[in-house]
């Protein structure tokens, strides 16, 4: 394969990666939720977002439908950049619970 073809593949994968993060972030959607809606595995979505995996046309259509955008929007340059999405487990909220005193044993 020609060098310019390989670099073009990488550019398209990167554009798709950026657009997935952008549209997913606008909806505050996790990778797991996107994967479920698109009928994919969450690790596959992660690989696509990192630009490590190529997608088939069927996968592109599934992702677009799950995000509510057109396939073309996923492949064209957008005017905005994705905002970072918080990752990892959600922290539990500390709640002050008023504890009742223990009853003394008789």
PDB file of N, CA and C in Angstrom:
ATOM      1  N   UNK A   1       0.845  -1.179   0.000  1.00  0.00           N
ATOM      2  CA  UNK A   1       0.000   0.000   0.000  1.00  0.00           C
ATOM      3  C   UNK A   1       0.893   1.247   0.000  1.00  0.00           C
ATOM      4  N   UNK A   2       0.492   2.226  -0.707  1.00  0.00           N
ATOM      5  CA  UNK A   2       1.274   3.460  -0.789  1.00  0.00           C
ATOM      6  C   UNK A   2       1.266   4.197   0.541  1.00  0.00           C
ATOM      7  N   UNK A   3       2.352   4.914   0.813  1.00  0.00           N
ATOM      8  CA  UNK A   3       2.458   5.665   2.072  1.00  0.00           C
ATOM      9  C   UNK A   3       1.349   6.692   2.228  1.00  0.00           C
ATOM     10  N   UNK A   4       0.971   7.350   1.119  1.00  0.00           N
ATOM     11  CA  UNK A   4      -0.082   8.360   1.230  1.00  0.00           C
ATOM     12  C   UNK A   4      -1.441   7.736   1.547  1.00  0.00           C
ATOM     13  N   UNK A   5      -1.641   6.494   1.163  1.00  0.00           N
ATOM     14  CA  UNK A   5      -2.890   5.799   1.492  1.00  0.00           C
ATOM     15  C   UNK A   5      -2.952   5.504   2.979  1.00  0.00           C
ATOM     16  N   UNK A   6      -1.836   5.059   3.525  1.00  0.00           N
ATOM     17  CA  UNK A   6      -1.783   4.748   4.953  1.00  0.00           C
ATOM     18  C   UNK A   6      -2.020   6.001   5.780  1.00  0.00           C
ATOM     19  N   UNK A   7      -1.395   7.105   5.412  1.00  0.00           N
ATOM     20  CA  UNK A   7      -1.598   8.340   6.173  1.00  0.00           C
ATOM     21  C   UNK A   7      -3.035   8.835   6.045  1.00  0.00           C
ATOM     22  N   UNK A   8      -3.643   8.618   4.899  1.00  0.00           N
ATOM     23  CA  UNK A   8      -5.050   9.024   4.727  1.00  0.00           C
ATOM     24  C   UNK A   8      -5.962   8.173   5.599  1.00  0.00           C
ATOM     25  N   UNK A   9      -5.683   6.880   5.699  1.00  0.00           N
ATOM     26  CA  UNK A   9      -6.457   5.999   6.584  1.00  0.00           C
ATOM     27  C   UNK A   9      -6.384   6.510   8.020  1.00  0.00           C
ATOM     28  N   UNK A  10      -5.175   6.840   8.437  1.00  0.00           N
ATOM     29  CA  UNK A  10      -4.983   7.342   9.800  1.00  0.00           C
ATOM     30  C   UNK A  10      -5.738   8.645  10.019  1.00  0.00           C
ATOM     31  N   UNK A  11      -5.734   9.524   9.025  1.00  0.00           N
ATOM     32  CA  UNK A  11      -6.434  10.806   9.145  1.00  0.00           C
ATOM     33  C   UNK A  11      -7.936  10.604   9.282  1.00  0.00           C
ATOM     34  N   UNK A  12      -8.488   9.692   8.511  1.00  0.00           N
ATOM     35  CA  UNK A  12      -9.936   9.435   8.582  1.00  0.00           C
ATOM     36  C   UNK A  12     -10.287   8.775   9.915  1.00  0.00           C
ATOM     37  N   UNK A  13      -9.455   7.834  10.379  1.00  0.00           N
ATOM     38  CA  UNK A  13      -9.704   7.214  11.685  1.00  0.00           C
ATOM     39  C   UNK A  13      -9.657   8.258  12.794  1.00  0.00           C
ATOM     40  N   UNK A  14      -8.705   9.183  12.707  1.00  0.00           N
ATOM     41  CA  UNK A  14      -8.593  10.238  13.723  1.00  0.00           C
ATOM     42  C   UNK A  14      -9.794  11.177  13.688  1.00  0.00           C
ATOM     43  N   UNK A  15     -10.252  11.520  12.492  1.00  0.00           N
ATOM     44  CA  UNK A  15     -11.428  12.381  12.361  1.00  0.00           C
ATOM     45  C   UNK A  15     -12.664  11.702  12.953  1.00  0.00           C
ATOM     46  N   UNK A  16     -12.845  10.421  12.648  1.00  0.00           N
ATOM     47  CA  UNK A  16     -13.964   9.671  13.212  1.00  0.00           C
ATOM     48  C   UNK A  16     -13.850   9.621  14.728  1.00  0.00           C
ATOM     49  N   UNK A  17     -12.656   9.383  15.220  1.00  0.00           N
ATOM     50  CA  UNK A  17     -12.404   9.341  16.657  1.00  0.00           C
ATOM     51  C   UNK A  17     -12.812  10.646  17.332  1.00  0.00           C
ATOM     52  N   UNK A  18     -12.356  11.757  16.777  1.00  0.00           N
ATOM     53  CA  UNK A  18     -12.673  13.076  17.334  1.00  0.00           C
ATOM     54  C   UNK A  18     -14.167  13.342  17.301  1.00  0.00           C
ATOM     55  N   UNK A  19     -14.813  13.008  16.189  1.00  0.00           N
ATOM     56  CA  UNK A  19     -16.241  13.270  16.065  1.00  0.00           C
ATOM     57  C   UNK A  19     -17.085  12.392  16.983  1.00  0.00           C
ATOM     58  N   UNK A  20     -16.673  11.145  17.180  1.00  0.00           N
ATOM     59  CA  UNK A  20     -17.388  10.294  18.131  1.00  0.00           C
ATOM     60  C   UNK A  20     -17.346  10.898  19.530  1.00  0.00           C
ATOM     61  N   UNK A  21     -16.151  11.342  19.941  1.00  0.00           N
ATOM     62  CA  UNK A  21     -16.013  11.963  21.260  1.00  0.00           C
ATOM     63  C   UNK A  21     -16.831  13.238  21.353  1.00  0.00           C
ATOM     64  N   UNK A  22     -16.841  14.020  20.279  1.00  0.00           N
ATOM     65  CA  UNK A  22     -17.589  15.278  20.259  1.00  0.00           C
ATOM     66  C   UNK A  22     -19.082  15.031  20.440  1.00  0.00           C
ATOM     67  N   UNK A  23     -19.656  14.190  19.593  1.00  0.00           N
ATOM     68  CA  UNK A  23     -21.104  13.962  19.637  1.00  0.00           C
ATOM     69  C   UNK A  23     -21.513  13.191  20.889  1.00  0.00           C
ATOM     70  N   UNK A  24     -20.678  12.282  21.339  1.00  0.00           N
ATOM     71  CA  UNK A  24     -20.973  11.544  22.572  1.00  0.00           C
ATOM     72  C   UNK A  24     -20.922  12.486  23.770  1.00  0.00           C
ATOM     73  N   UNK A  25     -19.944  13.381  23.776  1.00  0.00           N
ATOM     74  CA  UNK A  25     -19.808  14.341  24.863  1.00  0.00           C
ATOM     75  C   UNK A  25     -20.968  15.323  24.929  1.00  0.00           C
ATOM     76  N   UNK A  26     -21.468  15.732  23.773  1.00  0.00           N
ATOM     77  CA  UNK A  26     -22.610  16.655  23.744  1.00  0.00           C
ATOM     78  C   UNK A  26     -23.836  16.053  24.414  1.00  0.00           C
ATOM     79  N   UNK A  27     -23.917  14.735  24.387  1.00  0.00           N
ATOM     80  CA  UNK A  27     -25.056  14.041  24.978  1.00  0.00           C
ATOM     81  C   UNK A  27     -24.725  13.461  26.349  1.00  0.00           C
ATOM     82  N   UNK A  28     -23.545  13.754  26.837  1.00  0.00           N
ATOM     83  CA  UNK A  28     -23.074  13.194  28.120  1.00  0.00           C
ATOM     84  C   UNK A  28     -23.272  11.682  28.149  1.00  0.00           C
ATOM     85  N   UNK A  29     -22.902  11.047  27.071  1.00  0.00           N
ATOM     86  CA  UNK A  29     -23.104   9.609  26.914  1.00  0.00           C
ATOM     87  C   UNK A  29     -21.785   8.879  27.166  1.00  0.00           C
ATOM     88  N   UNK A  30     -21.847   7.820  27.921  1.00  0.00           N
ATOM     89  CA  UNK A  30     -20.643   7.018  28.167  1.00  0.00           C
ATOM     90  C   UNK A  30     -20.362   6.130  26.959  1.00  0.00           C
ATOM     91  N   UNK A  31     -19.139   5.643  26.897  1.00  0.00           N
ATOM     92  CA  UNK A  31     -18.793   4.692  25.838  1.00  0.00           C
ATOM     93  C   UNK A  31     -19.661   3.442  25.945  1.00  0.00           C
ATOM     94  N   UNK A  32     -19.933   3.040  27.164  1.00  0.00           N
ATOM     95  CA  UNK A  32     -20.747   1.846  27.375  1.00  0.00           C
ATOM     96  C   UNK A  32     -22.165   2.033  26.836  1.00  0.00           C
ATOM     97  N   UNK A  33     -22.748   3.197  27.095  1.00  0.00           N
ATOM     98  CA  UNK A  33     -24.098   3.475  26.595  1.00  0.00           C
ATOM     99  C   UNK A  33     -24.108   3.531  25.075  1.00  0.00           C
ATOM    100  N   UNK A  34     -23.108   4.194  24.505  1.00  0.00           N
ATOM    101  CA  UNK A  34     -23.019   4.255  23.043  1.00  0.00           C
ATOM    102  C   UNK A  34     -22.890   2.850  22.464  1.00  0.00           C
ATOM    103  N   UNK A  35     -22.056   2.039  23.073  1.00  0.00           N
ATOM    104  CA  UNK A  35     -21.873   0.665  22.597  1.00  0.00           C
ATOM    105  C   UNK A  35     -23.182  -0.119  22.640  1.00  0.00           C
ATOM    106  N   UNK A  36     -23.913   0.014  23.739  1.00  0.00           N
ATOM    107  CA  UNK A  36     -25.187  -0.695  23.854  1.00  0.00           C
ATOM    108  C   UNK A  36     -26.163  -0.246  22.777  1.00  0.00           C
ATOM    109  N   UNK A  37     -26.266   1.060  22.571  1.00  0.00           N
ATOM    110  CA  UNK A  37     -27.200   1.592  21.570  1.00  0.00           C
ATOM    111  C   UNK A  37     -26.809   1.195  20.149  1.00  0.00           C
ATOM    112  N   UNK A  38     -25.503   1.055  19.911  1.00  0.00           N
ATOM    113  CA  UNK A  38     -25.025   0.724  18.569  1.00  0.00           C
ATOM    114  C   UNK A  38     -24.896  -0.779  18.346  1.00  0.00           C
ATOM    115  N   UNK A  39     -25.093  -1.561  19.403  1.00  0.00           N
ATOM    116  CA  UNK A  39     -24.953  -3.011  19.279  1.00  0.00           C
ATOM    117  C   UNK A  39     -23.506  -3.456  19.171  1.00  0.00           C
ATOM    118  N   UNK A  40     -22.619  -2.710  19.836  1.00  0.00           N
ATOM    119  CA  UNK A  40     -21.193  -3.019  19.815  1.00  0.00           C
ATOM    120  C   UNK A  40     -20.713  -3.327  21.222  1.00  0.00           C
ATOM    121  N   UNK A  41     -19.481  -3.791  21.334  1.00  0.00           N
ATOM    122  CA  UNK A  41     -18.881  -4.000  22.641  1.00  0.00           C
ATOM    123  C   UNK A  41     -18.195  -2.704  23.053  1.00  0.00           C
ATOM    124  N   UNK A  42     -18.196  -2.406  24.346  1.00  0.00           N
ATOM    125  CA  UNK A  42     -17.631  -1.132  24.813  1.00  0.00           C
ATOM    126  C   UNK A  42     -16.144  -1.010  24.496  1.00  0.00           C
ATOM    127  N   UNK A  43     -15.426  -2.128  24.473  1.00  0.00           N
ATOM    128  CA  UNK A  43     -14.004  -2.045  24.136  1.00  0.00           C
ATOM    129  C   UNK A  43     -13.804  -1.674  22.669  1.00  0.00           C
ATOM    130  N   UNK A  44     -14.735  -2.090  21.820  1.00  0.00           N
ATOM    131  CA  UNK A  44     -14.652  -1.727  20.405  1.00  0.00           C
ATOM    132  C   UNK A  44     -14.839  -0.228  20.238  1.00  0.00           C
ATOM    133  N   UNK A  45     -15.791   0.344  20.959  1.00  0.00           N
ATOM    134  CA  UNK A  45     -16.013   1.788  20.898  1.00  0.00           C
ATOM    135  C   UNK A  45     -14.760   2.512  21.391  1.00  0.00           C
ATOM    136  N   UNK A  46     -14.157   2.021  22.456  1.00  0.00           N
ATOM    137  CA  UNK A  46     -12.934   2.621  22.971  1.00  0.00           C
ATOM    138  C   UNK A  46     -11.804   2.583  21.953  1.00  0.00           C
ATOM    139  N   UNK A  47     -11.664   1.476  21.264  1.00  0.00           N
ATOM    140  CA  UNK A  47     -10.615   1.351  20.255  1.00  0.00           C
ATOM    141  C   UNK A  47     -10.863   2.292  19.085  1.00  0.00           C
ATOM    142  N   UNK A  48     -12.112   2.428  18.688  1.00  0.00           N
ATOM    143  CA  UNK A  48     -12.449   3.344  17.594  1.00  0.00           C
ATOM    144  C   UNK A  48     -12.158   4.782  18.018  1.00  0.00           C
ATOM    145  N   UNK A  49     -12.515   5.131  19.250  1.00  0.00           N
ATOM    146  CA  UNK A  49     -12.273   6.491  19.736  1.00  0.00           C
ATOM    147  C   UNK A  49     -10.786   6.793  19.898  1.00  0.00           C
ATOM    148  N   UNK A  50      -9.980   5.790  20.106  1.00  0.00           N
ATOM    149  CA  UNK A  50      -8.535   6.008  20.209  1.00  0.00           C
ATOM    150  C   UNK A  50      -7.854   5.918  18.845  1.00  0.00           C
ATOM    151  N   UNK A  51      -8.637   5.661  17.802  1.00  0.00           N
ATOM    152  CA  UNK A  51      -8.088   5.577  16.451  1.00  0.00           C
ATOM    153  C   UNK A  51      -7.322   4.304  16.187  1.00  0.00           C
ATOM    154  N   UNK A  52      -7.565   3.273  16.982  1.00  0.00           N
ATOM    155  CA  UNK A  52      -6.843   2.014  16.849  1.00  0.00           C
ATOM    156  C   UNK A  52      -7.553   0.998  15.967  1.00  0.00           C
ATOM    157  N   UNK A  53      -8.844   1.218  15.722  1.00  0.00           N
ATOM    158  CA  UNK A  53      -9.618   0.246  14.959  1.00  0.00           C
ATOM    159  C   UNK A  53     -10.310   0.906  13.780  1.00  0.00           C
ATOM    160  N   UNK A  54     -10.349   0.195  12.677  1.00  0.00           N
ATOM    161  CA  UNK A  54     -11.117   0.644  11.523  1.00  0.00           C
ATOM    162  C   UNK A  54     -12.556   0.180  11.701  1.00  0.00           C
ATOM    163  N   UNK A  55     -13.462   0.835  11.030  1.00  0.00           N
ATOM    164  CA  UNK A  55     -14.869   0.446  11.139  1.00  0.00           C
ATOM    165  C   UNK A  55     -15.404   0.040   9.767  1.00  0.00           C
ATOM    166  N   UNK A  56     -16.365  -0.843   9.792  1.00  0.00           N
ATOM    167  CA  UNK A  56     -17.073  -1.188   8.559  1.00  0.00           C
ATOM    168  C   UNK A  56     -18.170  -0.156   8.338  1.00  0.00           C
ATOM    169  N   UNK A  57     -18.748  -0.174   7.158  1.00  0.00           N
ATOM    170  CA  UNK A  57     -19.867   0.736   6.888  1.00  0.00           C
ATOM    171  C   UNK A  57     -21.033   0.439   7.821  1.00  0.00           C
ATOM    172  N   UNK A  58     -21.264  -0.833   8.103  1.00  0.00           N
ATOM    173  CA  UNK A  58     -22.350  -1.208   9.009  1.00  0.00           C
ATOM    174  C   UNK A  58     -22.134  -0.613  10.398  1.00  0.00           C
ATOM    175  N   UNK A  59     -20.890  -0.658  10.886  1.00  0.00           N
ATOM    176  CA  UNK A  59     -20.574  -0.100  12.194  1.00  0.00           C
ATOM    177  C   UNK A  59     -20.719   1.410  12.183  1.00  0.00           C
ATOM    178  N   UNK A  60     -20.298   2.052  11.106  1.00  0.00           N
ATOM    179  CA  UNK A  60     -20.442   3.501  10.981  1.00  0.00           C
ATOM    180  C   UNK A  60     -21.912   3.909  11.042  1.00  0.00           C
ATOM    181  N   UNK A  61     -22.751   3.175  10.343  1.00  0.00           N
ATOM    182  CA  UNK A  61     -24.191   3.462  10.354  1.00  0.00           C
ATOM    183  C   UNK A  61     -24.757   3.248  11.757  1.00  0.00           C
ATOM    184  N   UNK A  62     -24.366   2.179  12.425  1.00  0.00           N
ATOM    185  CA  UNK A  62     -24.854   1.902  13.781  1.00  0.00           C
ATOM    186  C   UNK A  62     -24.453   3.001  14.756  1.00  0.00           C
ATOM    187  N   UNK A  63     -23.213   3.468  14.661  1.00  0.00           N
ATOM    188  CA  UNK A  63     -22.751   4.542  15.534  1.00  0.00           C
ATOM    189  C   UNK A  63     -23.506   5.838  15.272  1.00  0.00           C
ATOM    190  N   UNK A  64     -23.707   6.154  14.001  1.00  0.00           N
ATOM    191  CA  UNK A  64     -24.437   7.373  13.649  1.00  0.00           C
ATOM    192  C   UNK A  64     -25.876   7.327  14.176  1.00  0.00           C
ATOM    193  N   UNK A  65     -26.536   6.203  13.999  1.00  0.00           N
ATOM    194  CA  UNK A  65     -27.910   6.057  14.500  1.00  0.00           C
ATOM    195  C   UNK A  65     -27.961   6.182  16.022  1.00  0.00           C
ATOM    196  N   UNK A  66     -27.006   5.574  16.691  1.00  0.00           N
ATOM    197  CA  UNK A  66     -26.972   5.616  18.153  1.00  0.00           C
ATOM    198  C   UNK A  66     -26.746   7.036  18.669  1.00  0.00           C
ATOM    199  N   UNK A  67     -26.025   7.847  17.903  1.00  0.00           N
ATOM    200  CA  UNK A  67     -25.751   9.228  18.304  1.00  0.00           C
ATOM    201  C   UNK A  67     -26.780  10.220  17.759  1.00  0.00           C
ATOM    202  N   UNK A  68     -27.621   9.768  16.837  1.00  0.00           N
ATOM    203  CA  UNK A  68     -28.628  10.653  16.255  1.00  0.00           C
ATOM    204  C   UNK A  68     -28.030  11.657  15.280  1.00  0.00           C
ATOM    205  N   UNK A  69     -26.964  11.263  14.590  1.00  0.00           N
ATOM    206  CA  UNK A  69     -26.331  12.124  13.592  1.00  0.00           C
ATOM    207  C   UNK A  69     -26.219  11.346  12.287  1.00  0.00           C
ATOM    208  N   UNK A  70     -25.845  12.049  11.219  1.00  0.00           N
ATOM    209  CA  UNK A  70     -25.664  11.356   9.946  1.00  0.00           C
ATOM    210  C   UNK A  70     -24.262  10.757   9.879  1.00  0.00           C
ATOM    211  N   UNK A  71     -24.109   9.797   9.014  1.00  0.00           N
ATOM    212  CA  UNK A  71     -22.811   9.171   8.827  1.00  0.00           C
ATOM    213  C   UNK A  71     -21.799  10.203   8.328  1.00  0.00           C
ATOM    214  N   UNK A  72     -22.266  11.119   7.501  1.00  0.00           N
ATOM    215  CA  UNK A  72     -21.391  12.160   6.956  1.00  0.00           C
ATOM    216  C   UNK A  72     -20.841  13.038   8.074  1.00  0.00           C
ATOM    217  N   UNK A  73     -21.661  13.339   9.075  1.00  0.00           N
ATOM    218  CA  UNK A  73     -21.202  14.160  10.193  1.00  0.00           C
ATOM    219  C   UNK A  73     -20.062  13.480  10.955  1.00  0.00           C
ATOM    220  N   UNK A  74     -20.069  12.170  11.002  1.00  0.00           N
ATOM    221  CA  UNK A  74     -19.007  11.452  11.694  1.00  0.00           C
ATOM    222  C   UNK A  74     -17.692  11.468  10.910  1.00  0.00           C
ATOM    223  N   UNK A  75     -17.778  11.728   9.618  1.00  0.00           N
ATOM    224  CA  UNK A  75     -16.581  11.665   8.777  1.00  0.00           C
ATOM    225  C   UNK A  75     -16.056  13.030   8.326  1.00  0.00           C
ATOM    226  N   UNK A  76     -16.783  14.113   8.615  1.00  0.00           N
ATOM    227  CA  UNK A  76     -16.339  15.433   8.177  1.00  0.00           C
ATOM    228  C   UNK A  76     -15.773  16.223   9.341  1.00  0.00           C
ATOM    229  N   UNK A  77     -14.890  17.167   9.012  1.00  0.00           N
ATOM    230  CA  UNK A  77     -14.321  18.036  10.039  1.00  0.00           C
ATOM    231  C   UNK A  77     -15.418  18.891  10.648  1.00  0.00           C
ATOM    232  N   UNK A  78     -15.407  18.982  11.968  1.00  0.00           N
ATOM    233  CA  UNK A  78     -16.369  19.805  12.694  1.00  0.00           C
ATOM    234  C   UNK A  78     -15.672  21.082  13.157  1.00  0.00           C
ATOM    235  N   UNK A  79     -16.457  22.115  13.412  1.00  0.00           N
ATOM    236  CA  UNK A  79     -15.898  23.401  13.839  1.00  0.00           C
ATOM    237  C   UNK A  79     -15.514  23.432  15.310  1.00  0.00           C
ATOM    238  N   UNK A  80     -15.900  22.431  16.051  1.00  0.00           N
ATOM    239  CA  UNK A  80     -15.630  22.431  17.484  1.00  0.00           C
ATOM    240  C   UNK A  80     -14.850  21.188  17.881  1.00  0.00           C
ATOM    241  N   UNK A  81     -14.244  21.278  19.040  1.00  0.00           N
ATOM    242  CA  UNK A  81     -13.484  20.158  19.575  1.00  0.00           C
ATOM    243  C   UNK A  81     -14.258  19.505  20.707  1.00  0.00           C
ATOM    244  N   UNK A  82     -14.037  18.220  20.929  1.00  0.00           N
ATOM    245  CA  UNK A  82     -14.741  17.562  22.034  1.00  0.00           C
ATOM    246  C   UNK A  82     -14.265  18.103  23.380  1.00  0.00           C
ATOM    247  N   UNK A  83     -15.192  18.161  24.311  1.00  0.00           N
ATOM    248  CA  UNK A  83     -14.829  18.546  25.670  1.00  0.00           C
ATOM    249  C   UNK A  83     -14.483  17.279  26.429  1.00  0.00           C
ATOM    250  N   UNK A  84     -13.512  17.355  27.326  1.00  0.00           N
ATOM    251  CA  UNK A  84     -13.149  16.152  28.082  1.00  0.00           C
ATOM    252  C   UNK A  84     -14.346  15.633  28.881  1.00  0.00           C
ATOM    253  N   UNK A  85     -14.498  14.339  28.847  1.00  0.00           N
ATOM    254  CA  UNK A  85     -15.569  13.687  29.585  1.00  0.00           C
ATOM    255  C   UNK A  85     -14.954  13.029  30.797  1.00  0.00           C
ATOM    256  N   UNK A  86     -15.572  13.224  31.957  1.00  0.00           N
ATOM    257  CA  UNK A  86     -15.058  12.593  33.166  1.00  0.00           C
ATOM    258  C   UNK A  86     -15.162  11.093  33.013  1.00  0.00           C
ATOM    259  N   UNK A  87     -14.088  10.423  33.387  1.00  0.00           N
ATOM    260  CA  UNK A  87     -14.061   8.974  33.252  1.00  0.00           C
ATOM    261  C   UNK A  87     -13.899   8.325  34.616  1.00  0.00           C
ATOM    262  N   UNK A  88     -14.076   7.050  34.646  1.00  0.00           N
ATOM    263  CA  UNK A  88     -13.897   6.303  35.885  1.00  0.00           C
ATOM    264  C   UNK A  88     -15.178   6.215  36.683  1.00  0.00           C
ATOM    265  N   UNK A  89     -15.042   5.613  37.822  1.00  0.00           N
ATOM    266  CA  UNK A  89     -16.195   5.419  38.691  1.00  0.00           C
ATOM    267  C   UNK A  89     -16.639   6.734  39.287  1.00  0.00           C
ATOM    268  N   UNK A  90     -17.926   6.836  39.483  1.00  0.00           N
ATOM    269  CA  UNK A  90     -18.460   8.020  40.133  1.00  0.00           C
ATOM    270  C   UNK A  90     -18.165   7.929  41.620  1.00  0.00           C
ATOM    271  N   UNK A  91     -17.793   9.066  42.174  1.00  0.00           N
ATOM    272  CA  UNK A  91     -17.509   9.099  43.602  1.00  0.00           C
ATOM    273  C   UNK A  91     -18.820   9.090  44.367  1.00  0.00           C
ATOM    274  N   UNK A  92     -18.810   8.368  45.481  1.00  0.00           N
ATOM    275  CA  UNK A  92     -20.015   8.342  46.305  1.00  0.00           C
ATOM    276  C   UNK A  92     -20.099   9.662  47.060  1.00  0.00           C
ATOM    277  N   UNK A  93     -21.308  10.092  47.272  1.00  0.00           N
ATOM    278  CA  UNK A  93     -21.542  11.356  47.955  1.00  0.00           C
ATOM    279  C   UNK A  93     -21.531  11.092  49.453  1.00  0.00           C
ATOM    280  N   UNK A  94     -20.737  11.887  50.161  1.00  0.00           N
ATOM    281  CA  UNK A  94     -20.707  11.754  51.617  1.00  0.00           C
ATOM    282  C   UNK A  94     -21.960  12.399  52.186  1.00  0.00           C
ATOM    283  N   UNK A  95     -22.699  11.623  52.928  1.00  0.00           N
ATOM    284  CA  UNK A  95     -23.927  12.123  53.535  1.00  0.00           C
ATOM    285  C   UNK A  95     -23.797  11.949  55.036  1.00  0.00           C
ATOM    286  N   UNK A  96     -24.062  13.032  55.756  1.00  0.00           N
ATOM    287  CA  UNK A  96     -24.055  12.931  57.209  1.00  0.00           C
ATOM    288  C   UNK A  96     -25.344  12.245  57.639  1.00  0.00           C
ATOM    289  N   UNK A  97     -25.184  11.101  58.232  1.00  0.00           N
ATOM    290  CA  UNK A  97     -26.344  10.356  58.709  1.00  0.00           C
ATOM    291  C   UNK A  97     -26.362  10.492  60.220  1.00  0.00           C
ATOM    292  N   UNK A  98     -27.469  10.978  60.688  1.00  0.00           N
ATOM    293  CA  UNK A  98     -27.590  11.110  62.138  1.00  0.00           C
ATOM    294  C   UNK A  98     -27.816   9.723  62.704  1.00  0.00           C
ATOM    295  N   UNK A  99     -26.888   9.315  63.536  1.00  0.00           N
ATOM    296  CA  UNK A  99     -26.974   7.965  64.095  1.00  0.00           C
ATOM    297  C   UNK A  99     -27.723   8.007  65.417  1.00  0.00           C
ATOM    298  N   UNK A 100     -28.578   7.026  65.555  1.00  0.00           N
ATOM    299  CA  UNK A 100     -29.316   6.911  66.818  1.00  0.00           C
ATOM    300  C   UNK A 100     -28.416   6.236  67.838  1.00  0.00           C
ATOM    301  N   UNK A 101     -28.485   6.661  69.079  1.00  0.00           N
ATOM    302  CA  UNK A 101     -27.643   6.003  70.096  1.00  0.00           C
ATOM    303  C   UNK A 101     -28.079   4.553  70.265  1.00  0.00           C
ATOM    304  N   UNK A 102     -27.118   3.693  70.543  1.00  0.00           N
ATOM    305  CA  UNK A 102     -27.425   2.286  70.776  1.00  0.00           C
ATOM    306  C   UNK A 102     -28.151   2.126  72.087  1.00  0.00           C
ATOM    307  N   UNK A 103     -29.025   1.143  72.082  1.00  0.00           N
ATOM    308  CA  UNK A 103     -29.717   0.847  73.349  1.00  0.00           C
ATOM    309  C   UNK A 103     -28.786   0.057  74.231  1.00  0.00           C
ATOM    310  N   UNK A 104     -28.783   0.414  75.468  1.00  0.00           N
ATOM    311  CA  UNK A 104     -27.978  -0.314  76.448  1.00  0.00           C
ATOM    312  C   UNK A 104     -28.584  -1.683  76.682  1.00  0.00           C
ATOM    313  N   UNK A 105     -27.746  -2.685  76.824  1.00  0.00           N
ATOM    314  CA  UNK A 105     -28.245  -4.031  77.135  1.00  0.00           C
ATOM    315  C   UNK A 105     -28.729  -4.047  78.570  1.00  0.00           C
ATOM    316  N   UNK A 106     -29.829  -4.723  78.812  1.00  0.00           N
ATOM    317  CA  UNK A 106     -30.397  -4.768  80.173  1.00  0.00           C
ATOM    318  C   UNK A 106     -29.668  -5.699  81.069  1.00  0.00           C
TER     319      UNK A 106
END
